[in-house]
Amino acid sequence: MRPPAQCPPGCARPHAWFTLRGARTSTHRLIRPGRFLLLAGEHGTAWQAAADRHAMAEIDAFTVGRDMACDRDWLALCDVGSTGAILVRPDGHVALRAVDDTDADARLEAAVRAAYGARL
């Protein structure tokens, strides 16, 4: 039997240390006021593209292993594959944990809509 998923929607963002643009930073510092944070696996380019096309919300998107390095096994921490991602709401809670990039655009939009509720 597989253990429970890490980082399910609604939980607090996972903590990890990263090296981004030569500086050490944490997931706590990556979240900017009013913006979502998308952390995709090394081959999660579909998530990056979906975030770039997204018009409903401001999303800071990074690919772990390409844009930044992690001090620990980020994929195992979040229980996602190399094409998966997590989306963190502006309040620091997980909005989406995706094991892979299947329907990345639709899943990202649904997660943002759910986070904002009926206001959209």
PDB file of N, CA and C in Angstrom:
ATOM      1  N   MET A   1       0.846  -1.188   0.000  1.00  0.00           N
ATOM      2  CA  MET A   1       0.000   0.000   0.000  1.00  0.00           C
ATOM      3  C   MET A   1       0.885   1.243   0.000  1.00  0.00           C
ATOM      4  N   ARG A   2       0.544   2.206  -0.836  1.00  0.00           N
ATOM      5  CA  ARG A   2       1.305   3.444  -0.950  1.00  0.00           C
ATOM      6  C   ARG A   2       0.991   4.361   0.233  1.00  0.00           C
ATOM      7  N   PRO A   3       2.021   5.037   0.789  1.00  0.00           N
ATOM      8  CA  PRO A   3       1.767   5.954   1.903  1.00  0.00           C
ATOM      9  C   PRO A   3       0.952   7.158   1.441  1.00  0.00           C
ATOM     10  N   PRO A   4       0.326   7.884   2.375  1.00  0.00           N
ATOM     11  CA  PRO A   4      -0.476   9.055   2.007  1.00  0.00           C
ATOM     12  C   PRO A   4       0.368  10.081   1.257  1.00  0.00           C
ATOM     13  N   ALA A   5      -0.263  10.808   0.362  1.00  0.00           N
ATOM     14  CA  ALA A   5       0.431  11.825  -0.427  1.00  0.00           C
ATOM     15  C   ALA A   5       0.937  12.948   0.465  1.00  0.00           C
ATOM     16  N   GLN A   6       2.087  13.467   0.108  1.00  0.00           N
ATOM     17  CA  GLN A   6       2.637  14.636   0.778  1.00  0.00           C
ATOM     18  C   GLN A   6       2.038  15.878   0.117  1.00  0.00           C
ATOM     19  N   CYS A   7       1.921  16.943   0.840  1.00  0.00           N
ATOM     20  CA  CYS A   7       1.468  18.234   0.316  1.00  0.00           C
ATOM     21  C   CYS A   7       0.082  18.200  -0.317  1.00  0.00           C
ATOM     22  N   PRO A   8      -0.911  17.613   0.318  1.00  0.00           N
ATOM     23  CA  PRO A   8      -2.243  17.646  -0.286  1.00  0.00           C
ATOM     24  C   PRO A   8      -2.791  19.070  -0.259  1.00  0.00           C
ATOM     25  N   PRO A   9      -3.724  19.385  -1.150  1.00  0.00           N
ATOM     26  CA  PRO A   9      -4.331  20.721  -1.129  1.00  0.00           C
ATOM     27  C   PRO A   9      -4.882  21.055   0.260  1.00  0.00           C
ATOM     28  N   GLY A  10      -4.633  22.293   0.665  1.00  0.00           N
ATOM     29  CA  GLY A  10      -5.080  22.766   1.968  1.00  0.00           C
ATOM     30  C   GLY A  10      -3.994  22.744   3.026  1.00  0.00           C
ATOM     31  N   CYS A  11      -2.952  21.938   2.841  1.00  0.00           N
ATOM     32  CA  CYS A  11      -1.891  21.886   3.846  1.00  0.00           C
ATOM     33  C   CYS A  11      -0.961  23.088   3.676  1.00  0.00           C
ATOM     34  N   ALA A  12      -0.177  23.355   4.697  1.00  0.00           N
ATOM     35  CA  ALA A  12       0.796  24.442   4.615  1.00  0.00           C
ATOM     36  C   ALA A  12       1.867  24.090   3.588  1.00  0.00           C
ATOM     37  N   ARG A  13       2.417  25.103   2.978  1.00  0.00           N
ATOM     38  CA  ARG A  13       3.455  24.882   1.967  1.00  0.00           C
ATOM     39  C   ARG A  13       4.592  24.057   2.553  1.00  0.00           C
ATOM     40  N   PRO A  14       5.198  23.205   1.736  1.00  0.00           N
ATOM     41  CA  PRO A  14       6.330  22.431   2.228  1.00  0.00           C
ATOM     42  C   PRO A  14       7.547  23.343   2.365  1.00  0.00           C
ATOM     43  N   HIS A  15       8.353  23.086   3.367  1.00  0.00           N
ATOM     44  CA  HIS A  15       9.559  23.897   3.535  1.00  0.00           C
ATOM     45  C   HIS A  15      10.746  23.185   2.910  1.00  0.00           C
ATOM     46  N   ALA A  16      11.509  23.936   2.145  1.00  0.00           N
ATOM     47  CA  ALA A  16      12.755  23.438   1.565  1.00  0.00           C
ATOM     48  C   ALA A  16      13.650  24.639   1.294  1.00  0.00           C
ATOM     49  N   TRP A  17      14.949  24.381   1.283  1.00  0.00           N
ATOM     50  CA  TRP A  17      15.920  25.411   0.942  1.00  0.00           C
ATOM     51  C   TRP A  17      16.326  25.242  -0.507  1.00  0.00           C
ATOM     52  N   PHE A  18      16.406  26.362  -1.226  1.00  0.00           N
ATOM     53  CA  PHE A  18      16.765  26.373  -2.637  1.00  0.00           C
ATOM     54  C   PHE A  18      17.926  27.322  -2.876  1.00  0.00           C
ATOM     55  N   THR A  19      18.592  27.122  -3.991  1.00  0.00           N
ATOM     56  CA  THR A  19      19.563  28.090  -4.488  1.00  0.00           C
ATOM     57  C   THR A  19      18.976  28.653  -5.773  1.00  0.00           C
ATOM     58  N   LEU A  20      18.682  29.946  -5.756  1.00  0.00           N
ATOM     59  CA  LEU A  20      18.062  30.635  -6.876  1.00  0.00           C
ATOM     60  C   LEU A  20      18.898  31.855  -7.213  1.00  0.00           C
ATOM     61  N   ARG A  21      19.373  31.912  -8.453  1.00  0.00           N
ATOM     62  CA  ARG A  21      20.221  33.024  -8.906  1.00  0.00           C
ATOM     63  C   ARG A  21      21.413  33.233  -7.974  1.00  0.00           C
ATOM     64  N   GLY A  22      21.996  32.131  -7.524  1.00  0.00           N
ATOM     65  CA  GLY A  22      23.182  32.180  -6.686  1.00  0.00           C
ATOM     66  C   GLY A  22      22.938  32.477  -5.214  1.00  0.00           C
ATOM     67  N   ALA A  23      21.691  32.683  -4.820  1.00  0.00           N
ATOM     68  CA  ALA A  23      21.370  33.007  -3.421  1.00  0.00           C
ATOM     69  C   ALA A  23      20.544  31.883  -2.806  1.00  0.00           C
ATOM     70  N   ARG A  24      20.779  31.641  -1.535  1.00  0.00           N
ATOM     71  CA  ARG A  24      20.018  30.631  -0.794  1.00  0.00           C
ATOM     72  C   ARG A  24      18.711  31.258  -0.326  1.00  0.00           C
ATOM     73  N   THR A  25      17.598  30.556  -0.572  1.00  0.00           N
ATOM     74  CA  THR A  25      16.282  31.049  -0.174  1.00  0.00           C
ATOM     75  C   THR A  25      15.402  29.860   0.184  1.00  0.00           C
ATOM     76  N   SER A  26      14.270  30.122   0.785  1.00  0.00           N
ATOM     77  CA  SER A  26      13.366  29.040   1.179  1.00  0.00           C
ATOM     78  C   SER A  26      12.012  29.215   0.509  1.00  0.00           C
ATOM     79  N   THR A  27      11.203  28.171   0.600  1.00  0.00           N
ATOM     80  CA  THR A  27       9.860  28.256   0.036  1.00  0.00           C
ATOM     81  C   THR A  27       9.076  29.387   0.706  1.00  0.00           C
ATOM     82  N   HIS A  28       9.360  29.675   1.961  1.00  0.00           N
ATOM     83  CA  HIS A  28       8.661  30.746   2.670  1.00  0.00           C
ATOM     84  C   HIS A  28       8.948  32.104   2.024  1.00  0.00           C
ATOM     85  N   ARG A  29      10.162  32.298   1.580  1.00  0.00           N
ATOM     86  CA  ARG A  29      10.542  33.582   0.984  1.00  0.00           C
ATOM     87  C   ARG A  29      10.132  33.706  -0.478  1.00  0.00           C
ATOM     88  N   LEU A  30       9.843  32.599  -1.123  1.00  0.00           N
ATOM     89  CA  LEU A  30       9.477  32.637  -2.535  1.00  0.00           C
ATOM     90  C   LEU A  30       8.053  33.136  -2.762  1.00  0.00           C
ATOM     91  N   ILE A  31       7.218  33.076  -1.736  1.00  0.00           N
ATOM     92  CA  ILE A  31       5.831  33.518  -1.874  1.00  0.00           C
ATOM     93  C   ILE A  31       5.768  35.026  -1.690  1.00  0.00           C
ATOM     94  N   ARG A  32       5.301  35.705  -2.739  1.00  0.00           N
ATOM     95  CA  ARG A  32       5.173  37.153  -2.677  1.00  0.00           C
ATOM     96  C   ARG A  32       3.710  37.525  -2.433  1.00  0.00           C
ATOM     97  N   PRO A  33       3.463  38.642  -1.756  1.00  0.00           N
ATOM     98  CA  PRO A  33       2.093  39.046  -1.443  1.00  0.00           C
ATOM     99  C   PRO A  33       1.197  39.085  -2.688  1.00  0.00           C
ATOM    100  N   GLY A  34       0.028  38.448  -2.579  1.00  0.00           N
ATOM    101  CA  GLY A  34      -0.956  38.469  -3.642  1.00  0.00           C
ATOM    102  C   GLY A  34      -0.642  37.594  -4.840  1.00  0.00           C
ATOM    103  N   ARG A  35       0.414  36.804  -4.775  1.00  0.00           N
ATOM    104  CA  ARG A  35       0.824  35.994  -5.916  1.00  0.00           C
ATOM    105  C   ARG A  35       0.850  34.513  -5.539  1.00  0.00           C
ATOM    106  N   PHE A  36       0.534  33.677  -6.508  1.00  0.00           N
ATOM    107  CA  PHE A  36       0.663  32.233  -6.348  1.00  0.00           C
ATOM    108  C   PHE A  36       2.109  31.838  -6.637  1.00  0.00           C
ATOM    109  N   LEU A  37       2.515  30.704  -6.110  1.00  0.00           N
ATOM    110  CA  LEU A  37       3.838  30.150  -6.375  1.00  0.00           C
ATOM    111  C   LEU A  37       3.666  28.763  -6.972  1.00  0.00           C
ATOM    112  N   LEU A  38       4.240  28.550  -8.137  1.00  0.00           N
ATOM    113  CA  LEU A  38       4.206  27.251  -8.791  1.00  0.00           C
ATOM    114  C   LEU A  38       5.619  26.694  -8.798  1.00  0.00           C
ATOM    115  N   LEU A  39       5.783  25.517  -8.217  1.00  0.00           N
ATOM    116  CA  LEU A  39       7.064  24.810  -8.242  1.00  0.00           C
ATOM    117  C   LEU A  39       6.861  23.522  -9.022  1.00  0.00           C
ATOM    118  N   ALA A  40       7.497  23.441 -10.179  1.00  0.00           N
ATOM    119  CA  ALA A  40       7.353  22.285 -11.052  1.00  0.00           C
ATOM    120  C   ALA A  40       8.604  21.421 -10.994  1.00  0.00           C
ATOM    121  N   GLY A  41       8.425  20.138 -11.281  1.00  0.00           N
ATOM    122  CA  GLY A  41       9.552  19.218 -11.360  1.00  0.00           C
ATOM    123  C   GLY A  41      10.435  19.559 -12.554  1.00  0.00           C
ATOM    124  N   GLU A  42      11.576  18.928 -12.617  1.00  0.00           N
ATOM    125  CA  GLU A  42      12.587  19.236 -13.627  1.00  0.00           C
ATOM    126  C   GLU A  42      12.059  19.196 -15.067  1.00  0.00           C
ATOM    127  N   HIS A  43      11.110  18.328 -15.335  1.00  0.00           N
ATOM    128  CA  HIS A  43      10.541  18.221 -16.680  1.00  0.00           C
ATOM    129  C   HIS A  43       9.114  18.776 -16.724  1.00  0.00           C
ATOM    130  N   GLY A  44       8.806  19.699 -15.840  1.00  0.00           N
ATOM    131  CA  GLY A  44       7.461  20.260 -15.734  1.00  0.00           C
ATOM    132  C   GLY A  44       7.248  21.498 -16.586  1.00  0.00           C
ATOM    133  N   THR A  45       7.773  21.489 -17.793  1.00  0.00           N
ATOM    134  CA  THR A  45       7.641  22.661 -18.659  1.00  0.00           C
ATOM    135  C   THR A  45       6.188  22.969 -19.018  1.00  0.00           C
ATOM    136  N   ALA A  46       5.326  21.960 -19.030  1.00  0.00           N
ATOM    137  CA  ALA A  46       3.904  22.217 -19.311  1.00  0.00           C
ATOM    138  C   ALA A  46       3.309  23.111 -18.226  1.00  0.00           C
ATOM    139  N   TRP A  47       3.749  22.942 -16.986  1.00  0.00           N
ATOM    140  CA  TRP A  47       3.257  23.781 -15.891  1.00  0.00           C
ATOM    141  C   TRP A  47       3.758  25.208 -16.041  1.00  0.00           C
ATOM    142  N   GLN A  48       5.020  25.361 -16.422  1.00  0.00           N
ATOM    143  CA  GLN A  48       5.584  26.703 -16.655  1.00  0.00           C
ATOM    144  C   GLN A  48       4.780  27.412 -17.738  1.00  0.00           C
ATOM    145  N   ALA A  49       4.518  26.697 -18.837  1.00  0.00           N
ATOM    146  CA  ALA A  49       3.765  27.284 -19.947  1.00  0.00           C
ATOM    147  C   ALA A  49       2.347  27.644 -19.509  1.00  0.00           C
ATOM    148  N   ALA A  50       1.705  26.785 -18.745  1.00  0.00           N
ATOM    149  CA  ALA A  50       0.347  27.062 -18.261  1.00  0.00           C
ATOM    150  C   ALA A  50       0.350  28.307 -17.374  1.00  0.00           C
ATOM    151  N   ALA A  51       1.336  28.440 -16.506  1.00  0.00           N
ATOM    152  CA  ALA A  51       1.426  29.618 -15.633  1.00  0.00           C
ATOM    153  C   ALA A  51       1.658  30.879 -16.454  1.00  0.00           C
ATOM    154  N   ASP A  52       2.474  30.789 -17.504  1.00  0.00           N
ATOM    155  CA  ASP A  52       2.738  31.941 -18.364  1.00  0.00           C
ATOM    156  C   ASP A  52       1.484  32.389 -19.105  1.00  0.00           C
ATOM    157  N   ARG A  53       0.614  31.439 -19.469  1.00  0.00           N
ATOM    158  CA  ARG A  53      -0.605  31.759 -20.211  1.00  0.00           C
ATOM    159  C   ARG A  53      -1.761  32.176 -19.300  1.00  0.00           C
ATOM    160  N   HIS A  54      -1.626  31.919 -18.027  1.00  0.00           N
ATOM    161  CA  HIS A  54      -2.737  32.128 -17.101  1.00  0.00           C
ATOM    162  C   HIS A  54      -3.023  33.616 -16.932  1.00  0.00           C
ATOM    163  N   ALA A  55      -4.280  34.010 -17.072  1.00  0.00           N
ATOM    164  CA  ALA A  55      -4.644  35.421 -17.001  1.00  0.00           C
ATOM    165  C   ALA A  55      -5.382  35.798 -15.719  1.00  0.00           C
ATOM    166  N   MET A  56      -5.861  34.804 -14.959  1.00  0.00           N
ATOM    167  CA  MET A  56      -6.686  35.111 -13.785  1.00  0.00           C
ATOM    168  C   MET A  56      -5.875  35.526 -12.567  1.00  0.00           C
ATOM    169  N   ALA A  57      -4.650  35.067 -12.469  1.00  0.00           N
ATOM    170  CA  ALA A  57      -3.877  35.340 -11.264  1.00  0.00           C
ATOM    171  C   ALA A  57      -2.409  35.514 -11.617  1.00  0.00           C
ATOM    172  N   GLU A  58      -1.710  36.234 -10.769  1.00  0.00           N
ATOM    173  CA  GLU A  58      -0.264  36.383 -10.921  1.00  0.00           C
ATOM    174  C   GLU A  58       0.392  35.140 -10.330  1.00  0.00           C
ATOM    175  N   ILE A  59       1.243  34.487 -11.114  1.00  0.00           N
ATOM    176  CA  ILE A  59       1.879  33.248 -10.684  1.00  0.00           C
ATOM    177  C   ILE A  59       3.384  33.343 -10.908  1.00  0.00           C
ATOM    178  N   ASP A  60       4.150  33.162  -9.838  1.00  0.00           N
ATOM    179  CA  ASP A  60       5.601  33.039  -9.950  1.00  0.00           C
ATOM    180  C   ASP A  60       5.894  31.560 -10.137  1.00  0.00           C
ATOM    181  N   ALA A  61       6.459  31.201 -11.288  1.00  0.00           N
ATOM    182  CA  ALA A  61       6.677  29.794 -11.621  1.00  0.00           C
ATOM    183  C   ALA A  61       8.161  29.491 -11.734  1.00  0.00           C
ATOM    184  N   PHE A  62       8.558  28.383 -11.100  1.00  0.00           N
ATOM    185  CA  PHE A  62       9.945  27.929 -11.139  1.00  0.00           C
ATOM    186  C   PHE A  62       9.981  26.434 -11.419  1.00  0.00           C
ATOM    187  N   THR A  63      11.013  26.016 -12.123  1.00  0.00           N
ATOM    188  CA  THR A  63      11.237  24.604 -12.363  1.00  0.00           C
ATOM    189  C   THR A  63      12.413  24.172 -11.500  1.00  0.00           C
ATOM    190  N   VAL A  64      12.147  23.302 -10.544  1.00  0.00           N
ATOM    191  CA  VAL A  64      13.185  22.814  -9.636  1.00  0.00           C
ATOM    192  C   VAL A  64      14.099  21.887 -10.429  1.00  0.00           C
ATOM    193  N   GLY A  65      15.395  22.165 -10.385  1.00  0.00           N
ATOM    194  CA  GLY A  65      16.369  21.393 -11.141  1.00  0.00           C
ATOM    195  C   GLY A  65      16.822  22.119 -12.390  1.00  0.00           C
ATOM    196  N   ARG A  66      16.038  23.119 -12.810  1.00  0.00           N
ATOM    197  CA  ARG A  66      16.433  23.927 -13.959  1.00  0.00           C
ATOM    198  C   ARG A  66      16.609  25.385 -13.538  1.00  0.00           C
ATOM    199  N   ASP A  67      15.566  26.001 -12.979  1.00  0.00           N
ATOM    200  CA  ASP A  67      15.648  27.396 -12.546  1.00  0.00           C
ATOM    201  C   ASP A  67      16.347  27.531 -11.195  1.00  0.00           C
ATOM    202  N   MET A  68      16.255  26.481 -10.406  1.00  0.00           N
ATOM    203  CA  MET A  68      16.804  26.526  -9.051  1.00  0.00           C
ATOM    204  C   MET A  68      17.143  25.117  -8.585  1.00  0.00           C
ATOM    205  N   ALA A  69      18.061  25.043  -7.645  1.00  0.00           N
ATOM    206  CA  ALA A  69      18.454  23.755  -7.062  1.00  0.00           C
ATOM    207  C   ALA A  69      17.889  23.658  -5.659  1.00  0.00           C
ATOM    208  N   CYS A  70      17.570  22.441  -5.256  1.00  0.00           N
ATOM    209  CA  CYS A  70      17.005  22.217  -3.922  1.00  0.00           C
ATOM    210  C   CYS A  70      18.004  21.437  -3.084  1.00  0.00           C
ATOM    211  N   ASP A  71      18.074  21.745  -1.791  1.00  0.00           N
ATOM    212  CA  ASP A  71      18.987  21.077  -0.883  1.00  0.00           C
ATOM    213  C   ASP A  71      18.563  19.657  -0.539  1.00  0.00           C
ATOM    214  N   ARG A  72      17.336  19.274  -0.871  1.00  0.00           N
ATOM    215  CA  ARG A  72      16.866  17.925  -0.591  1.00  0.00           C
ATOM    216  C   ARG A  72      16.047  17.428  -1.773  1.00  0.00           C
ATOM    217  N   ASP A  73      15.564  16.239  -1.697  1.00  0.00           N
ATOM    218  CA  ASP A  73      14.799  15.680  -2.806  1.00  0.00           C
ATOM    219  C   ASP A  73      13.411  16.294  -2.815  1.00  0.00           C
ATOM    220  N   TRP A  74      13.254  17.365  -3.573  1.00  0.00           N
ATOM    221  CA  TRP A  74      12.011  18.106  -3.611  1.00  0.00           C
ATOM    222  C   TRP A  74      10.859  17.257  -4.129  1.00  0.00           C
ATOM    223  N   LEU A  75      11.125  16.417  -5.139  1.00  0.00           N
ATOM    224  CA  LEU A  75      10.069  15.569  -5.700  1.00  0.00           C
ATOM    225  C   LEU A  75       9.515  14.624  -4.640  1.00  0.00           C
ATOM    226  N   ALA A  76      10.399  14.042  -3.836  1.00  0.00           N
ATOM    227  CA  ALA A  76       9.943  13.138  -2.782  1.00  0.00           C
ATOM    228  C   ALA A  76       9.217  13.913  -1.678  1.00  0.00           C
ATOM    229  N   LEU A  77       9.701  15.093  -1.365  1.00  0.00           N
ATOM    230  CA  LEU A  77       9.069  15.917  -0.333  1.00  0.00           C
ATOM    231  C   LEU A  77       7.612  16.199  -0.680  1.00  0.00           C
ATOM    232  N   CYS A  78       7.355  16.495  -1.947  1.00  0.00           N
ATOM    233  CA  CYS A  78       6.000  16.838  -2.386  1.00  0.00           C
ATOM    234  C   CYS A  78       5.252  15.675  -3.007  1.00  0.00           C
ATOM    235  N   ASP A  79       5.921  14.547  -3.159  1.00  0.00           N
ATOM    236  CA  ASP A  79       5.316  13.348  -3.749  1.00  0.00           C
ATOM    237  C   ASP A  79       4.764  13.641  -5.138  1.00  0.00           C
ATOM    238  N   VAL A  80       5.612  14.263  -5.978  1.00  0.00           N
ATOM    239  CA  VAL A  80       5.255  14.508  -7.376  1.00  0.00           C
ATOM    240  C   VAL A  80       6.339  13.923  -8.266  1.00  0.00           C
ATOM    241  N   GLY A  81       6.003  13.669  -9.521  1.00  0.00           N
ATOM    242  CA  GLY A  81       6.971  13.179 -10.482  1.00  0.00           C
ATOM    243  C   GLY A  81       7.740  14.330 -11.107  1.00  0.00           C
ATOM    244  N   SER A  82       8.668  14.012 -11.987  1.00  0.00           N
ATOM    245  CA  SER A  82       9.496  15.044 -12.604  1.00  0.00           C
ATOM    246  C   SER A  82       8.687  15.981 -13.503  1.00  0.00           C
ATOM    247  N   THR A  83       7.479  15.559 -13.913  1.00  0.00           N
ATOM    248  CA  THR A  83       6.601  16.433 -14.703  1.00  0.00           C
ATOM    249  C   THR A  83       5.486  17.030 -13.848  1.00  0.00           C
ATOM    250  N   GLY A  84       5.501  16.774 -12.560  1.00  0.00           N
ATOM    251  CA  GLY A  84       4.465  17.266 -11.660  1.00  0.00           C
ATOM    252  C   GLY A  84       4.760  18.652 -11.120  1.00  0.00           C
ATOM    253  N   ALA A  85       3.869  19.138 -10.246  1.00  0.00           N
ATOM    254  CA  ALA A  85       4.030  20.473  -9.682  1.00  0.00           C
ATOM    255  C   ALA A  85       3.159  20.644  -8.457  1.00  0.00           C
ATOM    256  N   ILE A  86       3.487  21.653  -7.673  1.00  0.00           N
ATOM    257  CA  ILE A  86       2.575  22.121  -6.631  1.00  0.00           C
ATOM    258  C   ILE A  86       2.326  23.604  -6.870  1.00  0.00           C
ATOM    259  N   LEU A  87       1.114  24.015  -6.579  1.00  0.00           N
ATOM    260  CA  LEU A  87       0.728  25.416  -6.661  1.00  0.00           C
ATOM    261  C   LEU A  87       0.395  25.855  -5.251  1.00  0.00           C
ATOM    262  N   VAL A  88       1.058  26.916  -4.797  1.00  0.00           N
ATOM    263  CA  VAL A  88       0.851  27.435  -3.446  1.00  0.00           C
ATOM    264  C   VAL A  88       0.077  28.750  -3.547  1.00  0.00           C
ATOM    265  N   ARG A  89      -0.982  28.855  -2.762  1.00  0.00           N
ATOM    266  CA  ARG A  89      -1.799  30.070  -2.742  1.00  0.00           C
ATOM    267  C   ARG A  89      -1.016  31.215  -2.096  1.00  0.00           C
ATOM    268  N   PRO A  90      -1.458  32.456  -2.294  1.00  0.00           N
ATOM    269  CA  PRO A  90      -0.790  33.588  -1.651  1.00  0.00           C
ATOM    270  C   PRO A  90      -0.750  33.500  -0.120  1.00  0.00           C
ATOM    271  N   ASP A  91      -1.686  32.752   0.481  1.00  0.00           N
ATOM    272  CA  ASP A  91      -1.691  32.614   1.945  1.00  0.00           C
ATOM    273  C   ASP A  91      -0.746  31.513   2.430  1.00  0.00           C
ATOM    274  N   GLY A  92      -0.021  30.879   1.507  1.00  0.00           N
ATOM    275  CA  GLY A  92       0.973  29.887   1.898  1.00  0.00           C
ATOM    276  C   GLY A  92       0.464  28.464   1.977  1.00  0.00           C
ATOM    277  N   HIS A  93      -0.743  28.199   1.563  1.00  0.00           N
ATOM    278  CA  HIS A  93      -1.288  26.843   1.584  1.00  0.00           C
ATOM    279  C   HIS A  93      -1.328  26.265   0.167  1.00  0.00           C
ATOM    280  N   VAL A  94      -1.198  24.967   0.082  1.00  0.00           N
ATOM    281  CA  VAL A  94      -1.177  24.292  -1.207  1.00  0.00           C
ATOM    282  C   VAL A  94      -2.559  24.334  -1.846  1.00  0.00           C
ATOM    283  N   ALA A  95      -2.606  24.779  -3.103  1.00  0.00           N
ATOM    284  CA  ALA A  95      -3.855  24.810  -3.867  1.00  0.00           C
ATOM    285  C   ALA A  95      -3.965  23.594  -4.769  1.00  0.00           C
ATOM    286  N   LEU A  96      -2.818  23.071  -5.198  1.00  0.00           N
ATOM    287  CA  LEU A  96      -2.801  21.949  -6.138  1.00  0.00           C
ATOM    288  C   LEU A  96      -1.516  21.166  -5.966  1.00  0.00           C
ATOM    289  N   ARG A  97      -1.644  19.846  -5.930  1.00  0.00           N
ATOM    290  CA  ARG A  97      -0.484  18.950  -6.005  1.00  0.00           C
ATOM    291  C   ARG A  97      -0.767  18.025  -7.165  1.00  0.00           C
ATOM    292  N   ALA A  98       0.064  18.115  -8.192  1.00  0.00           N
ATOM    293  CA  ALA A  98      -0.128  17.316  -9.392  1.00  0.00           C
ATOM    294  C   ALA A  98       1.064  16.384  -9.576  1.00  0.00           C
ATOM    295  N   VAL A  99       0.804  15.100  -9.655  1.00  0.00           N
ATOM    296  CA  VAL A  99       1.863  14.106  -9.807  1.00  0.00           C
ATOM    297  C   VAL A  99       2.519  14.220 -11.173  1.00  0.00           C
ATOM    298  N   ASP A 100       1.741  14.613 -12.193  1.00  0.00           N
ATOM    299  CA  ASP A 100       2.278  14.736 -13.546  1.00  0.00           C
ATOM    300  C   ASP A 100       1.666  15.961 -14.217  1.00  0.00           C
ATOM    301  N   ASP A 101       1.951  16.140 -15.508  1.00  0.00           N
ATOM    302  CA  ASP A 101       1.494  17.340 -16.211  1.00  0.00           C
ATOM    303  C   ASP A 101       0.256  17.124 -17.081  1.00  0.00           C
ATOM    304  N   THR A 102      -0.471  16.053 -16.855  1.00  0.00           N
ATOM    305  CA  THR A 102      -1.699  15.801 -17.606  1.00  0.00           C
ATOM    306  C   THR A 102      -2.678  16.958 -17.409  1.00  0.00           C
ATOM    307  N   ASP A 103      -3.149  17.546 -18.507  1.00  0.00           N
ATOM    308  CA  ASP A 103      -4.116  18.655 -18.474  1.00  0.00           C
ATOM    309  C   ASP A 103      -3.662  19.816 -17.591  1.00  0.00           C
ATOM    310  N   ALA A 104      -2.397  20.190 -17.712  1.00  0.00           N
ATOM    311  CA  ALA A 104      -1.826  21.232 -16.853  1.00  0.00           C
ATOM    312  C   ALA A 104      -2.628  22.531 -16.900  1.00  0.00           C
ATOM    313  N   ASP A 105      -3.009  22.978 -18.092  1.00  0.00           N
ATOM    314  CA  ASP A 105      -3.758  24.243 -18.202  1.00  0.00           C
ATOM    315  C   ASP A 105      -5.076  24.185 -17.436  1.00  0.00           C
ATOM    316  N   ALA A 106      -5.850  23.145 -17.677  1.00  0.00           N
ATOM    317  CA  ALA A 106      -7.163  23.027 -17.048  1.00  0.00           C
ATOM    318  C   ALA A 106      -7.041  22.847 -15.535  1.00  0.00           C
ATOM    319  N   ARG A 107      -6.084  22.060 -15.102  1.00  0.00           N
ATOM    320  CA  ARG A 107      -5.917  21.826 -13.662  1.00  0.00           C
ATOM    321  C   ARG A 107      -5.440  23.080 -12.945  1.00  0.00           C
ATOM    322  N   LEU A 108      -4.561  23.843 -13.574  1.00  0.00           N
ATOM    323  CA  LEU A 108      -4.093  25.086 -12.973  1.00  0.00           C
ATOM    324  C   LEU A 108      -5.244  26.081 -12.859  1.00  0.00           C
ATOM    325  N   GLU A 109      -6.019  26.219 -13.919  1.00  0.00           N
ATOM    326  CA  GLU A 109      -7.160  27.130 -13.880  1.00  0.00           C
ATOM    327  C   GLU A 109      -8.158  26.719 -12.808  1.00  0.00           C
ATOM    328  N   ALA A 110      -8.460  25.440 -12.713  1.00  0.00           N
ATOM    329  CA  ALA A 110      -9.412  24.960 -11.707  1.00  0.00           C
ATOM    330  C   ALA A 110      -8.908  25.241 -10.295  1.00  0.00           C
ATOM    331  N   ALA A 111      -7.623  25.060 -10.075  1.00  0.00           N
ATOM    332  CA  ALA A 111      -7.050  25.300  -8.736  1.00  0.00           C
ATOM    333  C   ALA A 111      -7.112  26.770  -8.368  1.00  0.00           C
ATOM    334  N   VAL A 112      -6.811  27.641  -9.313  1.00  0.00           N
ATOM    335  CA  VAL A 112      -6.877  29.089  -9.039  1.00  0.00           C
ATOM    336  C   VAL A 112      -8.328  29.502  -8.793  1.00  0.00           C
ATOM    337  N   ARG A 113      -9.240  29.001  -9.611  1.00  0.00           N
ATOM    338  CA  ARG A 113     -10.663  29.309  -9.405  1.00  0.00           C
ATOM    339  C   ARG A 113     -11.135  28.850  -8.020  1.00  0.00           C
ATOM    340  N   ALA A 114     -10.739  27.656  -7.637  1.00  0.00           N
ATOM    341  CA  ALA A 114     -11.130  27.145  -6.324  1.00  0.00           C
ATOM    342  C   ALA A 114     -10.545  28.001  -5.204  1.00  0.00           C
ATOM    343  N   ALA A 115      -9.312  28.462  -5.389  1.00  0.00           N
ATOM    344  CA  ALA A 115      -8.668  29.284  -4.375  1.00  0.00           C
ATOM    345  C   ALA A 115      -9.377  30.632  -4.215  1.00  0.00           C
ATOM    346  N   TYR A 116      -9.832  31.177  -5.324  1.00  0.00           N
ATOM    347  CA  TYR A 116     -10.535  32.466  -5.295  1.00  0.00           C
ATOM    348  C   TYR A 116     -12.021  32.318  -5.036  1.00  0.00           C
ATOM    349  N   GLY A 117     -12.537  31.120  -5.177  1.00  0.00           N
ATOM    350  CA  GLY A 117     -13.967  30.917  -4.982  1.00  0.00           C
ATOM    351  C   GLY A 117     -14.760  31.470  -6.143  1.00  0.00           C
ATOM    352  N   ALA A 118     -15.959  31.866  -5.900  1.00  0.00           N
ATOM    353  CA  ALA A 118     -16.871  32.310  -6.960  1.00  0.00           C
ATOM    354  C   ALA A 118     -16.597  33.729  -7.432  1.00  0.00           C
ATOM    355  N   ARG A 119     -15.587  34.398  -6.892  1.00  0.00           N
ATOM    356  CA  ARG A 119     -15.323  35.779  -7.274  1.00  0.00           C
ATOM    357  C   ARG A 119     -14.865  35.911  -8.727  1.00  0.00           C
ATOM    358  N   LEU A 120     -14.429  34.820  -9.359  1.00  0.00           N
ATOM    359  CA  LEU A 120     -13.938  34.916 -10.745  1.00  0.00           C
ATOM    360  C   LEU A 120     -15.049  34.725 -11.730  1.00  0.00           C
TER     361      LEU A 120
END
